[in-house]
Amino acid sequence: MAESDWDTVTILRKKGPTVAQSKSKQAVAAAQRRGEELDTTKKWAAGQNKQHVITKNTAKLDRETEELQHQRVSLEVGKVIQQGRQNQGLTQKDLATKINEKPQIIGDYESGKAIPNNQVMGKIERAIGEFLFTGLFSDIFCHSFLWIWGCQITLLAA
């Protein structure tokens, strides 16, 4: 009966601080005063939908001494997207919703700021019904061939 004293309380389990409490400024300051080790890592792209990553080798670009840049979508392609979208009677938001992308991506493609992604450009082509010259040699052969139903037709008189 010595263990069942009325004045002492036995705590079997004590809850630790919640995640929100442990991230507060007060908790961080208290941990610093106690001399505890703090882990300060920032989550990269947390809570964002990062579907289309840049597949170009950015480390290689950093190592180069010349000023190299990623190839951007040309303004001609942006104008074709804009005209095709307007012919369909779509806004940038409507087109983005139709192809399951963000409106900002459509704006980047139309303004020539986007790095070309064949998946996105293919979706835009199907949505507006225009060919955007998305081949490997798009700058060289943009007017020398035509695609009809997936078949390449070479134009003889350019």
N, C-alpha and C. Protein backbone atom coordinates (compact mmCIF):
# COMPACT_ATOMS: atom_id res chain seq x y z
N MET A 1 0.81 -1.19 0.00
CA MET A 1 0.00 0.00 0.00
C MET A 1 0.85 1.26 0.00
N ALA A 2 2.16 1.12 0.07
CA ALA A 2 3.04 2.28 0.09
C ALA A 2 3.08 2.95 -1.27
N GLU A 3 2.75 2.21 -2.31
CA GLU A 3 2.83 2.78 -3.65
C GLU A 3 1.61 3.62 -3.99
N SER A 4 0.54 3.51 -3.27
CA SER A 4 -0.68 4.26 -3.58
C SER A 4 -0.82 5.43 -2.61
N ASP A 5 0.10 6.34 -2.69
CA ASP A 5 0.07 7.53 -1.85
C ASP A 5 -0.84 8.56 -2.50
N TRP A 6 -1.59 9.28 -1.67
CA TRP A 6 -2.54 10.25 -2.17
C TRP A 6 -1.85 11.51 -2.70
N ASP A 7 -0.67 11.79 -2.24
CA ASP A 7 0.00 13.04 -2.60
C ASP A 7 0.86 12.95 -3.86
N THR A 8 1.23 11.77 -4.29
CA THR A 8 2.08 11.63 -5.48
C THR A 8 1.24 11.21 -6.67
N VAL A 9 1.64 11.67 -7.82
CA VAL A 9 0.94 11.36 -9.06
C VAL A 9 1.93 10.68 -9.99
N THR A 10 1.54 9.55 -10.54
CA THR A 10 2.39 8.82 -11.48
C THR A 10 1.92 9.13 -12.90
N ILE A 11 2.83 9.68 -13.70
CA ILE A 11 2.51 10.00 -15.10
C ILE A 11 3.04 8.87 -15.95
N LEU A 12 2.13 8.20 -16.62
CA LEU A 12 2.54 7.07 -17.44
C LEU A 12 3.08 7.52 -18.80
N ARG A 13 2.45 8.50 -19.39
CA ARG A 13 2.87 8.94 -20.72
C ARG A 13 2.64 10.44 -20.81
N LYS A 14 3.64 11.13 -21.33
CA LYS A 14 3.51 12.56 -21.51
C LYS A 14 3.66 12.85 -23.00
N LYS A 15 2.71 13.59 -23.55
CA LYS A 15 2.77 13.92 -24.97
C LYS A 15 3.87 14.93 -25.22
N GLY A 16 4.56 14.73 -26.32
CA GLY A 16 5.56 15.70 -26.74
C GLY A 16 4.89 16.86 -27.44
N PRO A 17 5.66 17.86 -27.81
CA PRO A 17 5.06 19.00 -28.50
C PRO A 17 4.60 18.59 -29.90
N THR A 18 3.53 19.22 -30.34
CA THR A 18 3.04 18.94 -31.69
C THR A 18 3.99 19.55 -32.71
N VAL A 19 3.77 19.22 -33.96
CA VAL A 19 4.65 19.72 -35.01
C VAL A 19 4.57 21.24 -35.10
N ALA A 20 3.36 21.77 -34.97
CA ALA A 20 3.20 23.22 -35.05
C ALA A 20 3.89 23.91 -33.88
N GLN A 21 3.81 23.31 -32.69
CA GLN A 21 4.46 23.91 -31.53
C GLN A 21 5.98 23.83 -31.65
N SER A 22 6.50 22.76 -32.21
CA SER A 22 7.95 22.62 -32.29
C SER A 22 8.55 23.52 -33.37
N LYS A 23 7.72 24.02 -34.29
CA LYS A 23 8.21 24.91 -35.33
C LYS A 23 8.06 26.38 -34.96
N SER A 24 7.41 26.67 -33.84
CA SER A 24 7.19 28.06 -33.47
C SER A 24 8.51 28.73 -33.08
N LYS A 25 8.52 30.05 -33.12
CA LYS A 25 9.73 30.80 -32.78
C LYS A 25 10.12 30.58 -31.32
N GLN A 26 9.12 30.46 -30.46
CA GLN A 26 9.41 30.24 -29.04
C GLN A 26 10.10 28.91 -28.82
N ALA A 27 9.63 27.86 -29.50
CA ALA A 27 10.23 26.54 -29.33
C ALA A 27 11.65 26.52 -29.87
N VAL A 28 11.88 27.19 -30.99
CA VAL A 28 13.22 27.23 -31.57
C VAL A 28 14.17 28.00 -30.65
N ALA A 29 13.70 29.13 -30.12
CA ALA A 29 14.54 29.92 -29.22
C ALA A 29 14.85 29.14 -27.94
N ALA A 30 13.86 28.42 -27.41
CA ALA A 30 14.09 27.63 -26.20
C ALA A 30 15.09 26.51 -26.46
N ALA A 31 15.00 25.88 -27.63
CA ALA A 31 15.94 24.81 -27.97
C ALA A 31 17.35 25.37 -28.14
N GLN A 32 17.47 26.57 -28.69
CA GLN A 32 18.79 27.19 -28.83
C GLN A 32 19.38 27.52 -27.46
N ARG A 33 18.54 27.98 -26.53
CA ARG A 33 19.03 28.29 -25.17
C ARG A 33 19.50 27.03 -24.46
N ARG A 34 18.80 25.92 -24.70
CA ARG A 34 19.20 24.67 -24.07
C ARG A 34 20.43 24.06 -24.73
N GLY A 35 20.80 24.57 -25.90
CA GLY A 35 21.97 24.06 -26.61
C GLY A 35 21.68 22.82 -27.43
N GLU A 36 20.43 22.59 -27.75
CA GLU A 36 20.08 21.42 -28.55
C GLU A 36 20.44 21.65 -30.01
N GLU A 37 20.60 20.56 -30.72
CA GLU A 37 20.93 20.64 -32.13
C GLU A 37 19.66 20.91 -32.93
N LEU A 38 19.72 21.90 -33.80
CA LEU A 38 18.57 22.26 -34.61
C LEU A 38 18.82 21.85 -36.05
N ASP A 39 17.80 21.32 -36.67
CA ASP A 39 17.89 20.93 -38.08
C ASP A 39 17.08 21.94 -38.88
N THR A 40 17.76 22.74 -39.68
CA THR A 40 17.08 23.76 -40.47
C THR A 40 17.25 23.43 -41.94
N THR A 41 16.34 22.64 -42.46
CA THR A 41 16.35 22.31 -43.88
C THR A 41 15.08 22.84 -44.50
N LYS A 42 15.20 23.37 -45.68
CA LYS A 42 14.05 23.89 -46.39
C LYS A 42 13.59 22.86 -47.41
N LYS A 43 12.32 22.58 -47.38
CA LYS A 43 11.77 21.64 -48.34
C LYS A 43 11.75 22.30 -49.71
N TRP A 44 12.21 21.56 -50.72
CA TRP A 44 12.26 22.11 -52.07
C TRP A 44 11.00 21.72 -52.81
N ALA A 45 10.31 22.69 -53.35
CA ALA A 45 9.09 22.49 -54.14
C ALA A 45 8.01 21.77 -53.34
N ALA A 46 7.96 22.03 -52.04
CA ALA A 46 6.95 21.39 -51.21
C ALA A 46 5.59 22.04 -51.46
N GLY A 47 4.60 21.25 -51.66
CA GLY A 47 3.25 21.76 -51.85
C GLY A 47 3.00 22.34 -53.23
N GLN A 48 3.92 22.15 -54.13
CA GLN A 48 3.73 22.66 -55.48
C GLN A 48 3.64 21.48 -56.44
N ASN A 49 2.93 21.70 -57.50
CA ASN A 49 2.79 20.65 -58.49
C ASN A 49 3.88 20.83 -59.53
N LYS A 50 4.99 20.14 -59.36
CA LYS A 50 6.13 20.26 -60.27
C LYS A 50 6.09 19.09 -61.25
N GLN A 51 5.27 19.22 -62.29
CA GLN A 51 5.15 18.13 -63.25
C GLN A 51 6.26 18.16 -64.28
N HIS A 52 6.59 19.35 -64.74
CA HIS A 52 7.49 19.47 -65.88
C HIS A 52 8.81 20.05 -65.41
N VAL A 53 9.74 19.19 -65.11
CA VAL A 53 11.06 19.65 -64.68
C VAL A 53 11.92 19.87 -65.92
N ILE A 54 12.90 20.72 -65.77
CA ILE A 54 13.81 21.00 -66.87
C ILE A 54 14.78 19.84 -66.97
N THR A 55 14.79 19.18 -68.11
CA THR A 55 15.63 18.00 -68.27
C THR A 55 17.01 18.34 -68.81
N LYS A 56 17.25 19.60 -69.09
CA LYS A 56 18.57 19.99 -69.58
C LYS A 56 19.56 19.88 -68.42
N ASN A 57 20.82 19.71 -68.74
CA ASN A 57 21.85 19.55 -67.72
C ASN A 57 22.30 20.93 -67.25
N THR A 58 21.71 21.41 -66.15
CA THR A 58 22.04 22.74 -65.66
C THR A 58 23.43 22.79 -65.05
N ALA A 59 23.90 21.68 -64.49
CA ALA A 59 25.26 21.67 -63.95
C ALA A 59 26.28 21.86 -65.06
N LYS A 60 26.01 21.29 -66.21
CA LYS A 60 26.92 21.46 -67.35
C LYS A 60 26.93 22.91 -67.80
N LEU A 61 25.77 23.55 -67.77
CA LEU A 61 25.72 24.96 -68.14
C LEU A 61 26.49 25.83 -67.15
N ASP A 62 26.46 25.45 -65.87
CA ASP A 62 27.20 26.20 -64.86
C ASP A 62 28.70 26.07 -65.06
N ARG A 63 29.17 24.91 -65.50
CA ARG A 63 30.60 24.68 -65.66
C ARG A 63 31.17 25.38 -66.89
N GLU A 64 30.36 25.65 -67.86
CA GLU A 64 30.84 26.26 -69.09
C GLU A 64 31.27 27.70 -68.83
N THR A 65 32.30 28.12 -69.53
CA THR A 65 32.79 29.49 -69.37
C THR A 65 32.03 30.46 -70.26
N GLU A 66 31.48 29.97 -71.35
CA GLU A 66 30.71 30.83 -72.23
C GLU A 66 29.35 31.10 -71.61
N GLU A 67 28.68 32.09 -72.14
CA GLU A 67 27.34 32.37 -71.66
C GLU A 67 26.36 31.51 -72.45
N LEU A 68 25.98 30.40 -71.88
CA LEU A 68 25.04 29.49 -72.52
C LEU A 68 23.69 29.62 -71.84
N GLN A 69 22.65 29.49 -72.61
CA GLN A 69 21.30 29.59 -72.06
C GLN A 69 20.46 28.47 -72.66
N HIS A 70 19.38 28.16 -71.95
CA HIS A 70 18.44 27.19 -72.48
C HIS A 70 17.71 27.82 -73.66
N GLN A 71 17.39 26.98 -74.64
CA GLN A 71 16.65 27.47 -75.79
C GLN A 71 15.22 27.72 -75.37
N ARG A 72 14.71 28.87 -75.69
CA ARG A 72 13.34 29.26 -75.34
C ARG A 72 12.42 29.09 -76.55
N VAL A 73 11.14 29.12 -76.29
CA VAL A 73 10.15 29.06 -77.36
C VAL A 73 10.23 30.36 -78.14
N SER A 74 10.20 30.28 -79.46
CA SER A 74 10.30 31.49 -80.27
C SER A 74 9.00 32.29 -80.19
N LEU A 75 9.11 33.57 -80.51
CA LEU A 75 7.93 34.43 -80.48
C LEU A 75 6.94 34.04 -81.58
N GLU A 76 7.43 33.47 -82.68
CA GLU A 76 6.54 33.03 -83.75
C GLU A 76 5.61 31.93 -83.25
N VAL A 77 6.17 30.99 -82.49
CA VAL A 77 5.35 29.91 -81.93
C VAL A 77 4.35 30.49 -80.94
N GLY A 78 4.78 31.47 -80.14
CA GLY A 78 3.88 32.13 -79.20
C GLY A 78 2.72 32.80 -79.90
N LYS A 79 3.00 33.44 -81.04
CA LYS A 79 1.94 34.09 -81.80
C LYS A 79 0.97 33.07 -82.39
N VAL A 80 1.50 31.93 -82.85
CA VAL A 80 0.64 30.87 -83.39
C VAL A 80 -0.28 30.34 -82.30
N ILE A 81 0.27 30.15 -81.10
CA ILE A 81 -0.55 29.68 -79.97
C ILE A 81 -1.64 30.70 -79.66
N GLN A 82 -1.25 31.97 -79.60
CA GLN A 82 -2.20 33.02 -79.26
C GLN A 82 -3.31 33.13 -80.31
N GLN A 83 -2.94 33.11 -81.59
CA GLN A 83 -3.95 33.21 -82.65
C GLN A 83 -4.86 31.99 -82.67
N GLY A 84 -4.28 30.80 -82.50
CA GLY A 84 -5.10 29.59 -82.47
C GLY A 84 -6.05 29.58 -81.29
N ARG A 85 -5.57 30.06 -80.15
CA ARG A 85 -6.42 30.13 -78.96
C ARG A 85 -7.56 31.11 -79.17
N GLN A 86 -7.26 32.26 -79.77
CA GLN A 86 -8.30 33.26 -80.02
C GLN A 86 -9.28 32.79 -81.08
N ASN A 87 -8.81 32.05 -82.07
CA ASN A 87 -9.72 31.50 -83.08
C ASN A 87 -10.70 30.51 -82.47
N GLN A 88 -10.26 29.78 -81.46
CA GLN A 88 -11.13 28.84 -80.76
C GLN A 88 -12.05 29.56 -79.77
N GLY A 89 -11.78 30.84 -79.51
CA GLY A 89 -12.57 31.60 -78.54
C GLY A 89 -12.23 31.25 -77.11
N LEU A 90 -10.97 30.89 -76.86
CA LEU A 90 -10.54 30.49 -75.53
C LEU A 90 -9.66 31.56 -74.90
N THR A 91 -9.77 31.71 -73.59
CA THR A 91 -8.82 32.53 -72.85
C THR A 91 -7.63 31.66 -72.46
N GLN A 92 -6.60 32.30 -71.90
CA GLN A 92 -5.44 31.52 -71.46
C GLN A 92 -5.85 30.53 -70.38
N LYS A 93 -6.74 30.97 -69.50
CA LYS A 93 -7.20 30.08 -68.42
C LYS A 93 -8.00 28.90 -68.99
N ASP A 94 -8.86 29.17 -69.98
CA ASP A 94 -9.65 28.10 -70.58
C ASP A 94 -8.76 27.07 -71.27
N LEU A 95 -7.76 27.56 -72.02
CA LEU A 95 -6.84 26.64 -72.70
C LEU A 95 -6.05 25.84 -71.68
N ALA A 96 -5.61 26.49 -70.61
CA ALA A 96 -4.85 25.78 -69.58
C ALA A 96 -5.70 24.71 -68.92
N THR A 97 -6.96 25.01 -68.67
CA THR A 97 -7.86 24.02 -68.08
C THR A 97 -8.09 22.86 -69.04
N LYS A 98 -8.19 23.18 -70.32
CA LYS A 98 -8.45 22.15 -71.33
C LYS A 98 -7.29 21.16 -71.45
N ILE A 99 -6.06 21.65 -71.25
CA ILE A 99 -4.89 20.77 -71.39
C ILE A 99 -4.31 20.37 -70.04
N ASN A 100 -5.00 20.69 -68.95
CA ASN A 100 -4.58 20.33 -67.59
C ASN A 100 -3.22 20.93 -67.22
N GLU A 101 -3.05 22.20 -67.49
CA GLU A 101 -1.84 22.92 -67.12
C GLU A 101 -2.25 24.20 -66.40
N LYS A 102 -1.25 24.91 -65.88
CA LYS A 102 -1.51 26.17 -65.20
C LYS A 102 -1.59 27.29 -66.23
N PRO A 103 -2.41 28.33 -65.97
CA PRO A 103 -2.50 29.46 -66.91
C PRO A 103 -1.16 30.17 -67.11
N GLN A 104 -0.32 30.14 -66.11
CA GLN A 104 0.99 30.79 -66.20
C GLN A 104 1.85 30.12 -67.29
N ILE A 105 1.70 28.81 -67.46
CA ILE A 105 2.46 28.09 -68.48
C ILE A 105 2.05 28.56 -69.87
N ILE A 106 0.75 28.75 -70.08
CA ILE A 106 0.27 29.24 -71.37
C ILE A 106 0.81 30.64 -71.62
N GLY A 107 0.80 31.48 -70.61
CA GLY A 107 1.35 32.83 -70.75
C GLY A 107 2.83 32.82 -71.07
N ASP A 108 3.58 31.91 -70.44
CA ASP A 108 5.01 31.80 -70.72
C ASP A 108 5.26 31.35 -72.16
N TYR A 109 4.47 30.41 -72.64
CA TYR A 109 4.64 29.94 -74.02
C TYR A 109 4.29 31.05 -75.01
N GLU A 110 3.23 31.81 -74.73
CA GLU A 110 2.83 32.87 -75.66
C GLU A 110 3.82 34.03 -75.66
N SER A 111 4.47 34.29 -74.53
CA SER A 111 5.41 35.41 -74.46
C SER A 111 6.83 35.00 -74.84
N GLY A 112 7.07 33.71 -75.06
CA GLY A 112 8.39 33.25 -75.46
C GLY A 112 9.35 33.06 -74.31
N LYS A 113 8.86 32.96 -73.09
CA LYS A 113 9.72 32.78 -71.92
C LYS A 113 9.91 31.32 -71.53
N ALA A 114 9.09 30.44 -72.07
CA ALA A 114 9.09 29.04 -71.64
C ALA A 114 10.18 28.25 -72.34
N ILE A 115 10.71 27.26 -71.63
CA ILE A 115 11.62 26.29 -72.22
C ILE A 115 10.74 25.22 -72.85
N PRO A 116 10.94 24.90 -74.14
CA PRO A 116 10.01 23.99 -74.82
C PRO A 116 9.95 22.61 -74.18
N ASN A 117 8.74 22.14 -73.99
CA ASN A 117 8.49 20.80 -73.48
C ASN A 117 7.57 20.13 -74.49
N ASN A 118 8.02 19.02 -75.06
CA ASN A 118 7.25 18.38 -76.13
C ASN A 118 5.87 17.91 -75.67
N GLN A 119 5.75 17.50 -74.40
CA GLN A 119 4.44 17.06 -73.91
C GLN A 119 3.45 18.22 -73.88
N VAL A 120 3.89 19.34 -73.33
CA VAL A 120 3.00 20.50 -73.23
C VAL A 120 2.67 21.03 -74.62
N MET A 121 3.68 21.11 -75.48
CA MET A 121 3.44 21.63 -76.82
C MET A 121 2.51 20.71 -77.62
N GLY A 122 2.63 19.40 -77.40
CA GLY A 122 1.72 18.47 -78.05
C GLY A 122 0.29 18.65 -77.59
N LYS A 123 0.11 18.90 -76.29
CA LYS A 123 -1.24 19.13 -75.77
C LYS A 123 -1.82 20.43 -76.33
N ILE A 124 -0.97 21.45 -76.44
CA ILE A 124 -1.44 22.73 -76.99
C ILE A 124 -1.82 22.55 -78.46
N GLU A 125 -0.99 21.81 -79.21
CA GLU A 125 -1.28 21.56 -80.63
C GLU A 125 -2.64 20.90 -80.79
N ARG A 126 -2.91 19.87 -79.99
CA ARG A 126 -4.19 19.16 -80.10
C ARG A 126 -5.36 20.05 -79.70
N ALA A 127 -5.14 20.92 -78.71
CA ALA A 127 -6.24 21.75 -78.21
C ALA A 127 -6.61 22.85 -79.20
N ILE A 128 -5.62 23.47 -79.83
CA ILE A 128 -5.92 24.59 -80.73
C ILE A 128 -5.97 24.17 -82.19
N GLY A 129 -5.52 22.95 -82.50
CA GLY A 129 -5.58 22.46 -83.86
C GLY A 129 -4.55 23.08 -84.78
N GLU A 130 -3.46 23.59 -84.23
CA GLU A 130 -2.39 24.20 -85.03
C GLU A 130 -1.11 23.42 -84.81
N PHE A 131 -0.26 23.36 -85.83
CA PHE A 131 1.04 22.71 -85.71
C PHE A 131 2.06 23.74 -85.24
N LEU A 132 2.82 23.41 -84.20
CA LEU A 132 3.73 24.37 -83.57
C LEU A 132 5.19 24.14 -83.90
N PHE A 133 5.52 23.33 -84.88
CA PHE A 133 6.90 23.08 -85.29
C PHE A 133 7.71 22.55 -84.12
N THR A 134 7.31 21.43 -83.55
CA THR A 134 7.96 20.92 -82.34
C THR A 134 8.99 19.84 -82.63
N GLY A 135 9.54 19.79 -83.82
CA GLY A 135 10.53 18.77 -84.13
C GLY A 135 11.89 19.13 -83.56
N LEU A 136 12.84 18.22 -83.73
CA LEU A 136 14.19 18.43 -83.23
C LEU A 136 14.88 19.58 -83.95
N PHE A 137 14.61 19.70 -85.25
CA PHE A 137 15.24 20.75 -86.05
C PHE A 137 14.20 21.82 -86.39
N SER A 138 13.49 22.32 -85.40
CA SER A 138 12.38 23.22 -85.66
C SER A 138 12.83 24.54 -86.26
N ASP A 139 14.02 25.03 -85.90
CA ASP A 139 14.48 26.30 -86.44
C ASP A 139 14.86 26.18 -87.91
N ILE A 140 15.37 25.02 -88.31
CA ILE A 140 15.87 24.85 -89.67
C ILE A 140 14.73 24.50 -90.63
N PHE A 141 13.90 23.54 -90.25
CA PHE A 141 12.91 23.00 -91.17
C PHE A 141 11.48 23.41 -90.82
N CYS A 142 11.28 24.55 -90.19
CA CYS A 142 9.94 24.86 -89.72
C CYS A 142 8.94 25.06 -90.86
N HIS A 143 9.40 25.41 -92.05
CA HIS A 143 8.47 25.62 -93.14
C HIS A 143 8.64 24.62 -94.28
N SER A 144 9.50 23.60 -94.10
CA SER A 144 9.77 22.71 -95.22
C SER A 144 8.98 21.41 -95.16
N PHE A 145 8.25 21.16 -94.07
CA PHE A 145 7.41 19.97 -94.05
C PHE A 145 6.12 20.25 -93.30
N LEU A 146 5.17 19.38 -93.48
CA LEU A 146 3.85 19.54 -92.90
C LEU A 146 3.41 18.20 -92.33
N TRP A 147 2.76 18.24 -91.18
CA TRP A 147 2.27 17.01 -90.56
C TRP A 147 0.77 16.92 -90.77
N ILE A 148 0.32 15.80 -91.32
CA ILE A 148 -1.11 15.55 -91.47
C ILE A 148 -1.37 14.15 -90.95
N TRP A 149 -2.17 14.04 -89.91
CA TRP A 149 -2.55 12.78 -89.29
C TRP A 149 -1.34 11.94 -88.93
N GLY A 150 -0.32 12.57 -88.42
CA GLY A 150 0.86 11.85 -87.96
C GLY A 150 1.84 11.49 -89.05
N CYS A 151 1.57 11.87 -90.30
CA CYS A 151 2.49 11.57 -91.41
C CYS A 151 3.19 12.85 -91.83
N GLN A 152 4.47 12.76 -92.08
CA GLN A 152 5.24 13.91 -92.50
C GLN A 152 5.18 14.03 -94.02
N ILE A 153 4.76 15.19 -94.50
CA ILE A 153 4.69 15.46 -95.92
C ILE A 153 5.68 16.57 -96.23
N THR A 154 6.63 16.31 -97.12
CA THR A 154 7.65 17.29 -97.47
C THR A 154 7.10 18.24 -98.53
N LEU A 155 7.29 19.54 -98.29
CA LEU A 155 6.86 20.54 -99.24
C LEU A 155 8.00 20.82 -100.21
N LEU A 156 7.74 20.70 -101.50
CA LEU A 156 8.80 20.87 -102.50
C LEU A 156 9.06 22.34 -102.80
N ALA A 157 8.02 23.13 -102.92
CA ALA A 157 8.20 24.55 -103.22
C ALA A 157 8.11 25.32 -101.91
N ALA A 158 9.24 25.82 -101.46
CA ALA A 158 9.25 26.52 -100.17
C ALA A 158 9.26 28.01 -100.37
